[in-house]
Every structure is written in structure tokens, then in C-alpha cells.
Amino acid sequence: MRLAIYFNFVGAYFMKKVALTGALFGLAAGLTLGTGAAALAAEPTLSKEAFEASKELYFQRCAGCHGALRKGATGKGLLPEETKKLGQKRLEKIITLGTEGGMNNFDDIFTKDQIRDMSTYIQMDPPQPREMSIADMKKTHKVYVDPSKYPTKPMHGRNWENFFVVILRDAGKMAVIDGDTKEVITKINSGYAVHVTKESSDGRFWYTIGRDGKMTKIDLWMDPPQTVAETQIAYDARDVAVSHYGKWKDKYVIGGGYWPPHFVILDAVTMEPMKVISTRGVNVDGVYVNEARVAAIYNTPTAPTWIVAVKELGQLWQVDYSDIANLRIEQIDSHKFLHDGFFDPTLQYFQIAANASNRMEIMDATNRKFVASIETGKMPHPGPGANWIDPKCGPVGGTVHLGEGMITAWGNDPKGNPDKAWKICYKTATDGAGLFIRTHPNSPYVFADQTKHPEPEVQQSIKVLDKKTGKIVKTIRVTEREKSVAVHQEFNKDGTEVWVSVWARGGKKDWLNGEIVVYDVKTLKEIKRIKNLETPTGKFNVWNRKKHIT
């Protein structure tokens, strides 16, 4: 059987060293290293240098899907008892070419030597990663601007609520772009390979979290916007959220770790760590999981809680922050492996992918209970998701899939359309597996990328779905630039424009080939290309995100 190794959402060839990650993985006890570069022997071996380089590369590019302990999650397990069966040559071919099931091709990201060494590395016993205490976190805490010195009003005359906060993934930076003028206002250092950034309740402050676990706080009112504080809360991490409810509004911020598997509550003003909660535990199948990672965290708009998706457990933890000294956590069973999600338009129902189970899971975040499970297709991945009105089904939510070229829409209005609620409305085929689907109330279309397909002409194009018919009306080739993919759609404040990233995935010399392409939402014609951006991926419009516009 062909092994579908679903690597982490990959980008440009990684050359940047990340603080503390070099010491992350100690060698497993008793592991004997060979002297060759990649020996094809009964017991695969690597030189010390090649082992260390592969260890770091695996951490940056592969651990997100396959796990730090290589036991698998979104991607297959990569333990020696399985990888040795495939052998060196087969593994090299899979890593080089990718698969149509969702794994990217790595021939334009890794060198041939790196592919060879990685194929050997994953046939060896995985090294044991080290833990991180709150004392370790506090040593990384830095305040660059004292909160008493924050400006009391915007220091610039720009329409900051139409700013786009843009991840420059492999450069370890965030760009702030003026949505009105399309001007790149500034580029700000952040953690490496930021996965997502979340807003304060008013949209002024933005909190990022990098793959290296570094959290930063950015003030958009400063001229130019800048980082005011930072803390590292893990060695590998994915998501962050802010308290938005009642008297606790903007009081706390939470960051979730892949490794160590935990979440951390911090003071949202100073970014000082306050409380750490481990997510290790027993999954929905009754099995203890050491590497139970925090895949995603969301602020609950209607209650003083966060929803923490514990990936390997198949559980949604609703964490009540109204009294963090006596923390209340409700563990809601769903399915494995949990990933990204979004709210319905009423902000009561949370819709999240359990991609290994091929399902979208629905929970009532207001009443704190599980509601429904919908089989959608192979490995759903909605990203920030999309809600729209269908002529037959009424309000629907939608997702793309990591494992196939498919858009699935389901009814999500149990009060107004109870007979359609939590049932498939329709499925529409695309050309390839994707990562993100987005729309806007003012847009007649839904936009879906196809980033996970290995063929350039597919991964460089986005699909346009007509809300009235549920059919694809156009395929837009966003770029034909070598070693680049089209990824992540986001709308401007009034929904008249949709922005798409061109992620240049080559080495450092290719980074500035990244750009954002802006299209007119109704005519679908290109308006502008914002150039000289280092590996842009996710984009977050201030107004749309703080208003939960999906």
C-alpha cells in the first residue's frame, strides 16, 4: 500500500535557525550513529551532523502532521516498524513527488541530500523531545513598550480597521498592509512560521504564535505598528486566542502547544505567563495519549470561555476563564483528529474538522454540548471557514478537504431551517485538495484554494463557486511562477476585494518573489499585485476578523 505521508503545511526551504529548537530533541538513549551520510543498511544510520540537520528539518516541516514522536495524526505514523517496510528508495520517491492525497512534493523545497537523509532519519528511532516549564517561559518574556506608554488613539491617519495583518511565514515576520492604498506599511519580526494571528476585542492588538512557540503582541495604533511584548510558551505551537467576553474582555490571552502538549494562559496586557495546563490524557477511544496536541483555540463570543481543540484526544475542551485560579474545563467528546474550525453566523454553533474521521463536528458553544457530526469527505480542512446562503438549504457552512478535491456545504440553521440543519446540502468537485475556503456576505462567490495538490497548474489556481448554483464558475490561475503556490483567500472590509497569497516556496533567494494578488469580487478581474513579500501565507483583515465575518 502506498504510504500517504501528509507533511505539515510546508513552505520555502528552511534555512533559518530558531531559538531553542536546536536543543529541542536530545538523542534517544542508546542510539548509535553511523559515519556515513545515509547508509542503506539493515539498521539505517546517519552521521551526527546529518542526524541533527534531519532532526531540525523534521521538526520544522513534518512534526505538525506526523507528530514530534512520529506517531501520526493528520499524517501517517512514521515509526521505524512501518517506514523500514517501505525502504529507502520508496520513501525518497514519496517525499520527492508527494501524493494526490494531500502531501506536497518536496523536490523544490528539500535538496536531494536532504530528501535522502530524511528518508533514512524516519527509519530510525525518534529522539525524545524535552519539556518546558513556566519558569522556562518566564525567562523568554520581554516587554518592549510599557503598557502605560501605549498611545491613547491611532498615531497615524490610516483606516486601520481595513488593515491586513499578513504572515510572512518562512521569514519569521508579519507584514501590515493598508487595505485602502495596498501599501506595505511595515514588516515586524515574529516567531518562525506563524500559523495564525488573533485580535483583541476592538481589533487594535494582534497576537501571533509561531511554530517555535513564540507569542508576540502587535499594536496597530503605533506609527508604524510594532511588537510591544513577547513570550515563548512552547517549542512547537499553532494557535492563540484572546478573552473577549464581559468584564474579562482583553484580560487574558491563551496559547496552545504541539510540544509540549499543553496550553498556557497569559496576561494579555503584559504577555507574562500565568497558568499552564497539560493536555495529555485519555482519548475518545479510551487510550492514553502522551502527545495530545492543541490544534486550535477559539474565543467563544457568547460566554467567558475558549474552545480548545485537543487534536489526538478527539475532544473539545471548553475552558472557562472567569476564574483561572479555579479553572473549569468541560471536555466534550467528538472525533479524531481535530483541526481548524469556525462559528456559524449566529455565533452559537462551533463547526470544526475532525479530519482523520472525515467529519465536521458541531458543538453548541453557548450551552456547552456536542450537537452533531457530519461526514463530509476525505480529511476536511475549512481553515477560517465560510458561511453563506443557499437558495434551497438556507444558511450553510462549507469546507475544502486535504484528501480530495471537493467543496462540501451543509445546513447550519437549526432554528430557521431545522430539516436542513447538520445535513449535507451539496458537494462540488474541484481539481485538487485545498487548505482554505472563504466568502463574504457582499460576495456572490465562494473562493477555495487547491494548495495541497502536487501539480503546479492545480496548486497555483483557485476555484470560484457561485452561491446561487453551487457550481464552479471560474478557475483563476493566480501565478505561474516556478516554485510558488496560491493559498489563503481573505476579503477587504466591505467585501469588494478578495486577496490571494502567492507563496514562493524556494530558498531564501526566492523569498521576495512572494506577492498578494487582489481581485475584484464581482468581475473576478485582477486589480493589483502587492510585490516583494517574503513567503506570504495567511492574511487577516481587522474588520472582518473582529466582526466574525466568514
Protein backbone atom coordinates (compact mmCIF):
# COMPACT_ATOMS: atom_id res chain seq x y z
CA MET A 1 0.00 0.00 0.00
CA ARG A 2 1.31 3.38 -0.90
CA LEU A 3 2.13 5.43 2.17
CA ALA A 4 0.44 8.85 2.11
CA ILE A 5 2.74 10.92 4.29
CA TYR A 6 0.90 14.11 4.97
CA PHE A 7 3.59 16.57 5.88
CA ASN A 8 2.91 19.78 7.72
CA PHE A 9 1.74 22.79 5.75
CA VAL A 10 5.07 23.34 4.03
CA GLY A 11 6.79 26.37 2.60
CA ALA A 12 10.10 27.58 1.38
CA TYR A 13 13.29 25.62 2.06
CA PHE A 14 14.10 26.12 5.71
CA MET A 15 17.46 27.65 6.48
CA LYS A 16 16.56 29.88 9.41
CA LYS A 17 17.71 28.74 12.84
CA VAL A 18 15.08 29.07 15.53
CA ALA A 19 15.90 29.96 19.11
CA LEU A 20 15.87 26.98 21.42
CA THR A 21 14.80 24.46 18.76
CA GLY A 22 18.36 23.32 18.14
CA ALA A 23 18.31 21.88 21.66
CA LEU A 24 14.76 20.57 21.41
CA PHE A 25 15.36 16.96 20.56
CA GLY A 26 18.01 15.09 22.54
CA LEU A 27 19.30 11.81 21.10
CA ALA A 28 17.38 8.75 22.22
CA ALA A 29 19.21 6.73 24.84
CA GLY A 30 21.43 4.04 23.35
CA LEU A 31 21.16 5.36 19.75
CA THR A 32 24.32 4.61 17.79
CA LEU A 33 25.18 6.98 14.99
CA GLY A 34 26.99 5.85 11.87
CA THR A 35 29.60 7.79 9.97
CA GLY A 36 28.03 7.77 6.51
CA ALA A 37 25.61 10.37 5.14
CA ALA A 38 22.74 7.94 4.57
CA ALA A 39 23.61 4.29 4.86
CA LEU A 40 21.34 1.75 3.21
CA ALA A 41 21.95 -0.97 5.78
CA ALA A 42 19.77 -3.28 7.86
CA GLU A 43 19.86 -0.63 10.60
CA PRO A 44 19.76 2.78 8.90
CA THR A 45 22.34 5.23 10.23
CA LEU A 46 23.34 8.85 9.76
CA SER A 47 26.37 10.84 10.72
CA LYS A 48 25.90 13.05 13.77
CA GLU A 49 25.74 16.14 11.56
CA ALA A 50 23.19 14.62 9.17
CA PHE A 51 21.08 13.34 12.08
CA GLU A 52 20.98 16.78 13.73
CA ALA A 53 20.12 18.51 10.44
CA SER A 54 17.35 16.00 9.68
CA LYS A 55 16.03 16.27 13.24
CA GLU A 56 15.65 20.03 12.90
CA LEU A 57 14.20 19.79 9.41
CA TYR A 58 11.68 17.19 10.57
CA PHE A 59 10.66 19.43 13.46
CA GLN A 60 10.09 22.40 11.16
CA ARG A 61 8.45 20.64 8.20
CA CYS A 62 6.99 17.32 9.28
CA ALA A 63 6.16 17.21 13.01
CA GLY A 64 2.99 19.25 12.56
CA CYS A 65 1.23 16.41 10.73
CA HIS A 66 3.20 13.37 11.84
CA GLY A 67 3.89 14.38 15.46
CA ALA A 68 7.06 15.07 17.42
CA LEU A 69 7.08 11.40 18.46
CA ARG A 70 6.24 10.34 14.87
CA LYS A 71 3.06 8.52 15.91
CA GLY A 72 0.96 10.31 13.29
CA ALA A 73 -2.23 12.40 13.33
CA THR A 74 -3.30 14.24 10.19
CA GLY A 75 -0.42 12.42 8.51
CA LYS A 76 0.57 8.78 8.82
CA GLY A 77 2.72 7.46 11.65
CA LEU A 78 6.41 7.35 10.74
CA LEU A 79 7.78 4.85 13.24
CA PRO A 80 10.59 2.53 12.09
CA GLU A 81 8.46 -0.63 12.09
CA GLU A 82 6.43 0.89 9.24
CA THR A 83 8.96 3.02 7.38
CA LYS A 84 11.54 0.23 7.18
CA LYS A 85 8.99 -1.87 5.26
CA LEU A 86 8.87 0.78 2.56
CA GLY A 87 12.61 1.15 2.34
CA GLN A 88 14.94 3.98 1.39
CA LYS A 89 14.13 4.29 -2.31
CA ARG A 90 10.36 4.25 -1.83
CA LEU A 91 10.49 6.84 0.92
CA GLU A 92 12.69 9.09 -1.20
CA LYS A 93 10.19 8.87 -4.05
CA ILE A 94 7.21 9.74 -1.82
CA ILE A 95 8.99 12.72 -0.25
CA THR A 96 10.17 13.92 -3.65
CA LEU A 97 6.89 13.67 -5.57
CA GLY A 98 4.22 14.00 -2.90
CA THR A 99 0.81 12.39 -3.25
CA GLU A 100 -2.59 13.47 -4.53
CA GLY A 101 -3.94 12.63 -1.10
CA GLY A 102 -2.65 15.88 0.35
CA MET A 103 1.12 15.67 0.76
CA ASN A 104 3.14 18.32 -1.04
CA ASN A 105 6.02 17.50 -3.33
CA PHE A 106 9.34 18.35 -1.69
CA ASP A 107 11.61 18.31 -4.72
CA ASP A 108 11.54 22.11 -4.88
CA ILE A 109 11.89 22.55 -1.11
CA PHE A 110 14.44 19.99 0.09
CA THR A 111 17.73 19.24 -1.65
CA LYS A 112 18.39 15.71 -2.88
CA ASP A 113 20.72 15.17 0.06
CA GLN A 114 18.04 16.34 2.49
CA ILE A 115 15.46 14.01 0.94
CA ARG A 116 17.91 11.13 1.18
CA ASP A 117 18.79 11.88 4.80
CA MET A 118 15.16 12.44 5.81
CA SER A 119 14.22 9.07 4.30
CA THR A 120 16.89 7.49 6.50
CA TYR A 121 16.03 9.55 9.56
CA ILE A 122 12.39 8.40 9.65
CA GLN A 123 13.57 4.77 9.63
CA MET A 124 15.46 5.41 12.89
CA ASP A 125 14.04 5.60 16.42
CA PRO A 126 12.60 9.06 17.12
CA PRO A 127 14.50 11.13 19.71
CA GLN A 128 12.64 12.20 22.83
CA PRO A 129 11.77 15.93 22.99
CA ARG A 130 12.27 17.82 26.23
CA GLU A 131 9.66 19.54 28.40
CA MET A 132 9.11 23.25 29.10
CA SER A 133 8.20 24.73 32.48
CA ILE A 134 6.56 28.04 33.27
CA ALA A 135 9.93 29.14 34.67
CA ASP A 136 11.44 28.49 31.21
CA MET A 137 8.70 30.59 29.66
CA LYS A 138 9.21 33.49 32.02
CA LYS A 139 12.87 33.66 31.04
CA THR A 140 11.78 34.47 27.47
CA HIS A 141 9.26 37.15 28.50
CA LYS A 142 10.11 40.58 27.11
CA VAL A 143 8.26 43.90 27.30
CA TYR A 144 9.34 46.35 24.60
CA VAL A 145 6.79 49.07 25.31
CA ASP A 146 5.40 49.60 28.80
CA PRO A 147 1.58 49.49 28.69
CA SER A 148 1.47 52.91 30.36
CA LYS A 149 3.21 54.27 27.25
CA TYR A 150 0.67 52.89 24.76
CA PRO A 151 -0.90 55.62 22.59
CA THR A 152 -4.46 56.57 23.52
CA LYS A 153 -5.50 57.00 19.89
CA PRO A 154 -4.08 55.97 16.49
CA MET A 155 -0.79 57.76 15.77
CA HIS A 156 -1.46 57.67 12.03
CA GLY A 157 -4.37 58.83 9.88
CA ARG A 158 -4.92 55.49 8.18
CA ASN A 159 -8.09 53.41 8.05
CA TRP A 160 -6.59 50.81 10.40
CA GLU A 161 -9.78 48.75 10.57
CA ASN A 162 -9.12 47.84 6.92
CA PHE A 163 -5.50 46.80 7.61
CA PHE A 164 -4.41 43.31 6.65
CA VAL A 165 -2.09 41.53 9.08
CA VAL A 166 -0.11 39.14 6.86
CA ILE A 167 2.05 36.16 7.81
CA LEU A 168 5.46 36.17 6.09
CA ARG A 169 5.93 32.57 7.04
CA ASP A 170 9.49 31.47 6.43
CA ALA A 171 10.99 34.90 7.06
CA GLY A 172 9.63 34.86 10.63
CA LYS A 173 7.85 38.19 10.10
CA MET A 174 4.42 39.79 9.93
CA ALA A 175 3.53 42.45 7.38
CA VAL A 176 0.90 45.13 7.97
CA ILE A 177 -0.70 46.26 4.70
CA ASP A 178 -3.10 49.19 4.23
CA GLY A 179 -6.23 47.73 2.64
CA ASP A 180 -7.19 51.06 1.11
CA THR A 181 -3.87 52.01 -0.53
CA LYS A 182 -2.35 48.48 -0.83
CA GLU A 183 0.83 49.90 0.74
CA VAL A 184 3.05 47.67 2.86
CA ILE A 185 3.26 49.82 5.99
CA THR A 186 5.79 47.74 7.89
CA LYS A 187 7.28 44.29 8.43
CA ILE A 188 7.61 43.11 12.02
CA ASN A 189 9.73 40.30 13.45
CA SER A 190 7.72 37.45 14.94
CA GLY A 191 8.12 33.79 15.72
CA TYR A 192 9.13 31.47 12.90
CA ALA A 193 6.37 30.20 10.57
CA VAL A 194 3.45 31.89 12.30
CA HIS A 195 0.37 29.70 11.88
CA VAL A 196 -2.27 32.22 12.84
CA THR A 197 -2.78 35.59 14.50
CA LYS A 198 -5.79 36.67 16.57
CA GLU A 199 -7.20 40.03 17.51
CA SER A 200 -8.17 41.87 20.69
CA SER A 201 -11.88 42.62 21.00
CA ASP A 202 -11.52 46.03 19.35
CA GLY A 203 -9.07 44.81 16.70
CA ARG A 204 -6.25 47.07 17.87
CA PHE A 205 -3.84 44.44 19.22
CA TRP A 206 -2.87 41.31 17.31
CA TYR A 207 -1.35 38.27 18.98
CA THR A 208 0.78 35.91 16.89
CA ILE A 209 2.14 32.46 17.61
CA GLY A 210 4.98 30.89 15.66
CA ARG A 211 5.84 27.28 15.00
CA ASP A 212 8.65 27.86 17.50
CA GLY A 213 6.11 28.73 20.21
CA LYS A 214 6.98 32.42 20.34
CA MET A 215 3.96 34.65 21.00
CA THR A 216 4.10 38.34 20.13
CA LYS A 217 1.71 41.23 20.71
CA ILE A 218 1.45 43.90 17.97
CA ASP A 219 -0.11 47.36 18.40
CA LEU A 220 -1.71 48.64 15.15
CA TRP A 221 -2.18 52.16 16.57
CA MET A 222 1.55 52.85 16.63
CA ASP A 223 3.21 54.52 13.67
CA PRO A 224 4.36 52.21 12.31
CA PRO A 225 2.73 49.25 14.08
CA GLN A 226 5.20 47.33 16.23
CA THR A 227 5.66 44.48 18.70
CA VAL A 228 5.13 45.61 22.28
CA ALA A 229 5.76 42.30 24.13
CA GLU A 230 6.62 38.64 23.56
CA THR A 231 6.94 35.26 25.32
CA GLN A 232 7.78 31.74 24.19
CA ILE A 233 5.24 29.21 25.51
CA ALA A 234 6.27 26.01 23.68
CA TYR A 235 8.80 24.60 21.23
CA ASP A 236 6.15 23.83 18.64
CA ALA A 237 2.79 25.59 18.60
CA ARG A 238 -0.20 26.52 16.43
CA ASP A 239 -2.88 28.79 17.88
CA VAL A 240 -3.77 31.69 20.13
CA ALA A 241 -6.95 33.47 21.30
CA VAL A 242 -7.96 36.41 23.48
CA SER A 243 -10.70 36.68 26.11
CA HIS A 244 -13.48 38.75 24.53
CA TYR A 245 -16.39 38.34 26.92
CA GLY A 246 -17.79 40.61 29.64
CA LYS A 247 -15.56 42.03 32.35
CA TRP A 248 -12.72 39.72 31.26
CA LYS A 249 -12.54 41.38 27.83
CA ASP A 250 -8.90 41.57 26.68
CA LYS A 251 -7.66 40.47 30.11
CA TYR A 252 -6.20 37.10 29.12
CA VAL A 253 -4.58 35.53 26.08
CA ILE A 254 -4.13 31.80 25.58
CA GLY A 255 -1.53 29.93 23.52
CA GLY A 256 -1.61 26.24 22.64
CA GLY A 257 1.37 23.91 22.24
CA TYR A 258 2.04 20.96 19.98
CA TRP A 259 5.10 20.22 22.09
CA PRO A 260 4.95 20.20 24.98
CA PRO A 261 1.26 19.31 24.66
CA HIS A 262 -0.30 22.00 26.83
CA PHE A 263 -1.96 25.39 26.78
CA VAL A 264 -0.79 28.49 28.61
CA ILE A 265 -2.85 31.41 29.90
CA LEU A 266 -1.01 34.74 29.87
CA ASP A 267 -1.76 38.29 30.96
CA ALA A 268 -3.00 39.86 27.70
CA VAL A 269 -1.58 43.26 28.63
CA THR A 270 1.97 42.29 29.62
CA MET A 271 2.23 38.82 28.00
CA GLU A 272 3.51 37.30 31.25
CA PRO A 273 2.66 33.56 31.62
CA MET A 274 0.20 32.85 34.42
CA LYS A 275 -1.00 29.25 34.21
CA VAL A 276 -0.07 26.06 32.32
CA ILE A 277 -2.45 23.15 31.71
CA SER A 278 -1.28 19.84 30.23
CA THR A 279 -3.50 18.28 27.55
CA ARG A 280 -2.11 14.76 27.87
CA GLY A 281 -4.90 12.32 28.61
CA VAL A 282 -7.25 9.56 27.52
CA ASN A 283 -8.75 9.90 24.06
CA VAL A 284 -12.31 9.13 22.90
CA ASP A 285 -11.24 5.51 22.30
CA GLY A 286 -10.08 5.09 25.90
CA VAL A 287 -6.37 5.15 25.07
CA TYR A 288 -3.84 7.30 26.95
CA VAL A 289 -2.11 9.78 24.64
CA ASN A 290 1.16 11.43 25.66
CA GLU A 291 1.31 13.68 22.60
CA ALA A 292 -2.18 15.19 22.79
CA ARG A 293 -1.62 18.45 20.95
CA VAL A 294 -3.57 21.70 20.97
CA ALA A 295 -4.59 22.07 17.33
CA ALA A 296 -6.71 25.20 17.59
CA ILE A 297 -8.17 27.69 20.08
CA TYR A 298 -11.20 29.94 19.60
CA ASN A 299 -12.79 32.68 21.64
CA THR A 300 -16.43 31.97 22.45
CA PRO A 301 -18.41 35.14 21.60
CA THR A 302 -21.36 34.27 23.88
CA ALA A 303 -19.59 33.05 27.04
CA PRO A 304 -16.41 33.63 29.12
CA THR A 305 -14.72 30.61 27.56
CA TRP A 306 -12.25 29.45 24.96
CA ILE A 307 -12.74 26.33 22.87
CA VAL A 308 -9.50 24.33 22.90
CA ALA A 309 -9.35 21.55 20.30
CA VAL A 310 -7.17 18.73 21.61
CA LYS A 311 -6.22 17.03 18.38
CA GLU A 312 -5.31 13.45 19.30
CA LEU A 313 -7.88 13.14 22.09
CA GLY A 314 -10.79 13.96 19.77
CA GLN A 315 -12.07 16.32 22.45
CA LEU A 316 -13.17 19.95 22.53
CA TRP A 317 -12.25 21.49 25.87
CA GLN A 318 -14.38 24.47 26.79
CA VAL A 319 -12.12 26.41 29.15
CA ASP A 320 -13.87 28.91 31.42
CA TYR A 321 -11.59 31.87 32.16
CA SER A 322 -13.95 33.63 34.58
CA ASP A 323 -11.90 32.22 37.48
CA ILE A 324 -8.49 30.98 36.38
CA ALA A 325 -7.47 30.15 39.95
CA ASN A 326 -10.26 27.56 39.96
CA LEU A 327 -10.20 26.71 36.29
CA ARG A 328 -13.29 24.98 34.97
CA ILE A 329 -12.84 22.77 31.88
CA GLU A 330 -15.65 20.84 30.19
CA GLN A 331 -14.35 18.02 28.00
CA ILE A 332 -16.68 17.41 25.08
CA ASP A 333 -16.12 14.20 23.12
CA SER A 334 -16.19 14.31 19.32
CA HIS A 335 -13.90 12.54 16.80
CA LYS A 336 -10.21 12.44 15.86
CA PHE A 337 -8.15 14.29 14.76
CA LEU A 338 -9.43 17.80 15.46
CA HIS A 339 -8.03 20.67 13.44
CA ASP A 340 -9.45 24.04 12.24
CA GLY A 341 -12.96 25.41 12.78
CA PHE A 342 -15.32 28.39 12.65
CA PHE A 343 -18.62 29.64 14.05
CA ASP A 344 -21.96 29.78 12.29
CA PRO A 345 -23.43 33.27 11.65
CA THR A 346 -25.32 33.26 14.97
CA LEU A 347 -22.02 32.64 16.82
CA GLN A 348 -23.69 29.91 18.87
CA TYR A 349 -22.54 26.82 16.98
CA PHE A 350 -18.90 25.93 16.50
CA GLN A 351 -18.02 23.86 13.42
CA ILE A 352 -14.65 22.07 13.43
CA ALA A 353 -12.92 19.47 11.28
CA ALA A 354 -12.09 16.03 12.64
CA ASN A 355 -10.04 15.35 9.56
CA ALA A 356 -8.86 11.81 10.29
CA SER A 357 -12.52 10.83 10.74
CA ASN A 358 -13.63 12.67 7.56
CA ARG A 359 -16.13 14.68 9.57
CA MET A 360 -17.16 18.18 10.59
CA GLU A 361 -18.10 18.27 14.27
CA ILE A 362 -20.73 20.65 15.62
CA MET A 363 -20.92 21.89 19.21
CA ASP A 364 -23.21 24.38 20.92
CA ALA A 365 -20.71 26.79 22.48
CA THR A 366 -23.39 28.69 24.39
CA ASN A 367 -24.90 25.63 26.11
CA ARG A 368 -21.57 23.76 26.11
CA LYS A 369 -22.61 20.48 24.50
CA PHE A 370 -21.99 18.36 21.42
CA VAL A 371 -24.66 18.67 18.73
CA ALA A 372 -23.87 16.75 15.53
CA SER A 373 -21.27 15.03 13.37
CA ILE A 374 -21.33 15.32 9.57
CA GLU A 375 -19.41 13.07 7.17
CA THR A 376 -18.16 15.48 4.52
CA GLY A 377 -15.36 13.86 2.51
CA LYS A 378 -11.73 12.89 2.88
CA MET A 379 -9.98 14.96 5.55
CA PRO A 380 -11.97 18.22 5.75
CA HIS A 381 -9.96 21.40 6.37
CA PRO A 382 -12.03 24.62 6.39
CA GLY A 383 -9.31 26.92 7.72
CA PRO A 384 -11.24 30.00 8.89
CA GLY A 385 -14.27 28.60 7.07
CA ALA A 386 -17.15 30.04 5.08
CA ASN A 387 -20.86 30.64 5.73
CA TRP A 388 -23.34 31.67 3.04
CA ILE A 389 -27.00 31.44 2.00
CA ASP A 390 -28.01 28.66 -0.37
CA PRO A 391 -31.33 29.08 -2.27
CA LYS A 392 -32.52 25.58 -1.32
CA CYS A 393 -30.85 24.85 2.01
CA GLY A 394 -30.80 28.31 3.55
CA PRO A 395 -27.75 29.16 5.69
CA VAL A 396 -24.87 26.74 5.08
CA GLY A 397 -21.27 26.25 6.12
CA GLY A 398 -18.57 24.91 3.84
CA THR A 399 -15.16 23.26 3.76
CA VAL A 400 -12.47 22.10 1.38
CA HIS A 401 -10.54 18.88 2.02
CA LEU A 402 -6.92 17.84 2.50
CA GLY A 403 -7.53 14.44 0.96
CA GLU A 404 -9.55 15.21 -2.18
CA GLY A 405 -10.66 17.99 -4.48
CA MET A 406 -14.06 18.72 -3.00
CA ILE A 407 -16.14 21.55 -1.54
CA THR A 408 -18.83 20.31 0.85
CA ALA A 409 -21.69 22.53 2.08
CA TRP A 410 -24.07 21.64 4.93
CA GLY A 411 -27.06 23.33 6.54
CA ASN A 412 -26.26 25.18 9.78
CA ASP A 413 -29.50 26.92 10.75
CA PRO A 414 -31.33 24.63 13.21
CA LYS A 415 -33.86 27.31 14.17
CA GLY A 416 -34.84 28.65 10.75
CA ASN A 417 -34.26 25.50 8.67
CA PRO A 418 -34.37 22.55 11.10
CA ASP A 419 -34.93 19.94 8.36
CA LYS A 420 -31.68 21.01 6.65
CA ALA A 421 -29.56 21.51 9.78
CA TRP A 422 -26.37 19.48 10.07
CA LYS A 423 -27.08 17.64 6.81
CA ILE A 424 -25.12 17.77 3.55
CA CYS A 425 -26.59 20.34 1.17
CA TYR A 426 -24.27 19.53 -1.76
CA LYS A 427 -20.77 18.57 -2.80
CA THR A 428 -18.87 20.24 -5.63
CA ALA A 429 -15.74 18.77 -7.16
CA THR A 430 -12.57 20.83 -7.58
CA ASP A 431 -9.28 19.87 -9.24
CA GLY A 432 -7.29 19.25 -6.09
CA ALA A 433 -7.03 19.13 -2.32
CA GLY A 434 -7.13 22.50 -0.58
CA LEU A 435 -6.49 24.30 2.68
CA PHE A 436 -8.79 27.32 2.80
CA ILE A 437 -12.30 28.37 1.82
CA ARG A 438 -13.62 31.91 2.28
CA THR A 439 -16.50 34.18 1.38
CA HIS A 440 -18.16 37.46 2.46
CA PRO A 441 -21.83 38.49 2.75
CA ASN A 442 -21.28 41.02 -0.06
CA SER A 443 -19.69 38.46 -2.39
CA PRO A 444 -21.76 36.36 -4.85
CA TYR A 445 -18.96 33.80 -4.79
CA VAL A 446 -17.11 31.41 -2.52
CA PHE A 447 -13.35 31.06 -3.11
CA ALA A 448 -11.39 27.85 -2.49
CA ASP A 449 -7.68 27.14 -2.93
CA GLN A 450 -6.10 23.86 -4.07
CA THR A 451 -2.74 24.23 -2.39
CA LYS A 452 -2.26 20.59 -1.41
CA HIS A 453 -2.33 19.15 -4.93
CA PRO A 454 1.22 18.38 -6.14
CA GLU A 455 0.77 19.59 -9.76
CA PRO A 456 1.74 23.27 -10.33
CA GLU A 457 -1.18 24.18 -12.59
CA VAL A 458 -3.62 22.99 -9.90
CA GLN A 459 -1.90 24.28 -6.75
CA GLN A 460 -1.39 27.67 -8.42
CA SER A 461 -5.12 28.09 -9.14
CA ILE A 462 -8.19 28.87 -7.05
CA LYS A 463 -11.78 27.85 -7.69
CA VAL A 464 -14.75 30.24 -7.72
CA LEU A 465 -18.09 28.77 -6.64
CA ASP A 466 -21.40 30.56 -7.36
CA LYS A 467 -23.51 30.77 -4.21
CA LYS A 468 -26.76 30.60 -6.23
CA THR A 469 -25.96 27.40 -8.12
CA GLY A 470 -23.33 25.65 -6.02
CA LYS A 471 -21.26 25.18 -9.16
CA ILE A 472 -17.74 26.24 -10.10
CA VAL A 473 -17.96 29.22 -12.47
CA LYS A 474 -14.30 30.02 -12.89
CA THR A 475 -10.77 28.77 -12.26
CA ILE A 476 -8.29 31.59 -11.66
CA ARG A 477 -4.61 30.89 -12.29
CA VAL A 478 -3.14 33.17 -9.65
CA THR A 479 0.51 32.60 -10.57
CA GLU A 480 2.68 30.65 -12.98
CA ARG A 481 5.85 31.44 -11.10
CA GLU A 482 8.08 28.43 -10.57
CA LYS A 483 8.16 27.03 -7.01
CA SER A 484 5.08 29.02 -5.99
CA VAL A 485 1.55 28.13 -4.89
CA ALA A 486 -1.70 30.05 -4.44
CA VAL A 487 -3.03 29.92 -0.90
CA HIS A 488 -5.48 31.56 1.54
CA GLN A 489 -8.18 33.97 0.46
CA GLU A 490 -9.25 36.98 2.52
CA PHE A 491 -11.67 39.85 1.85
CA ASN A 492 -11.30 43.55 2.49
CA LYS A 493 -13.60 45.33 4.92
CA ASP A 494 -16.54 45.93 2.58
CA GLY A 495 -16.20 42.66 0.68
CA THR A 496 -15.45 44.23 -2.69
CA GLU A 497 -11.98 42.66 -2.99
CA VAL A 498 -10.53 39.22 -2.36
CA TRP A 499 -6.80 38.86 -1.68
CA VAL A 500 -4.85 35.68 -2.52
CA SER A 501 -1.28 34.87 -1.44
CA VAL A 502 1.41 33.68 -3.83
CA TRP A 503 3.69 31.65 -1.61
CA ALA A 504 7.16 31.43 -3.16
CA ARG A 505 8.47 28.16 -1.73
CA GLY A 506 12.08 28.08 -2.92
CA GLY A 507 15.20 29.01 -0.95
CA LYS A 508 15.94 32.42 0.54
CA LYS A 509 16.84 33.78 -2.87
CA ASP A 510 13.21 33.18 -3.93
CA TRP A 511 11.50 34.64 -0.87
CA LEU A 512 10.88 38.13 -2.26
CA ASN A 513 9.10 36.57 -5.24
CA GLY A 514 6.09 36.23 -2.95
CA GLU A 515 3.16 38.53 -3.57
CA ILE A 516 -0.52 39.09 -2.86
CA VAL A 517 -2.90 39.28 -5.80
CA VAL A 518 -6.04 41.41 -5.36
CA TYR A 519 -9.19 40.64 -7.36
CA ASP A 520 -12.48 42.46 -7.84
CA VAL A 521 -15.04 40.23 -6.14
CA LYS A 522 -17.81 40.71 -8.71
CA THR A 523 -15.89 40.88 -12.01
CA LEU A 524 -13.14 38.47 -10.84
CA LYS A 525 -10.60 40.65 -12.62
CA GLU A 526 -7.16 41.32 -11.17
CA ILE A 527 -6.77 44.74 -9.56
CA LYS A 528 -3.24 44.76 -8.20
CA ARG A 529 -0.22 42.69 -7.22
CA ILE A 530 1.44 43.63 -3.94
CA LYS A 531 5.03 42.52 -4.50
CA ASN A 532 8.26 41.90 -2.57
CA LEU A 533 6.66 39.88 0.21
CA GLU A 534 8.68 37.09 1.82
CA THR A 535 6.61 33.86 1.68
CA PRO A 536 3.16 35.36 2.40
CA THR A 537 0.53 32.86 3.56
CA GLY A 538 -2.36 33.78 5.91
CA LYS A 539 -3.93 37.24 5.77
CA PHE A 540 -6.28 38.67 8.36
CA ASN A 541 -8.46 41.72 7.75
CA VAL A 542 -9.01 43.61 11.00
CA TRP A 543 -12.70 44.42 10.46
CA ASN A 544 -13.74 41.02 9.17
CA ARG A 545 -11.97 39.11 11.91
CA LYS A 546 -13.20 41.17 14.84
CA LYS A 547 -16.75 41.00 13.44
CA HIS A 548 -16.54 37.22 12.80
CA ILE A 549 -17.33 37.70 9.10
CA THR A 550 -16.83 34.38 7.35
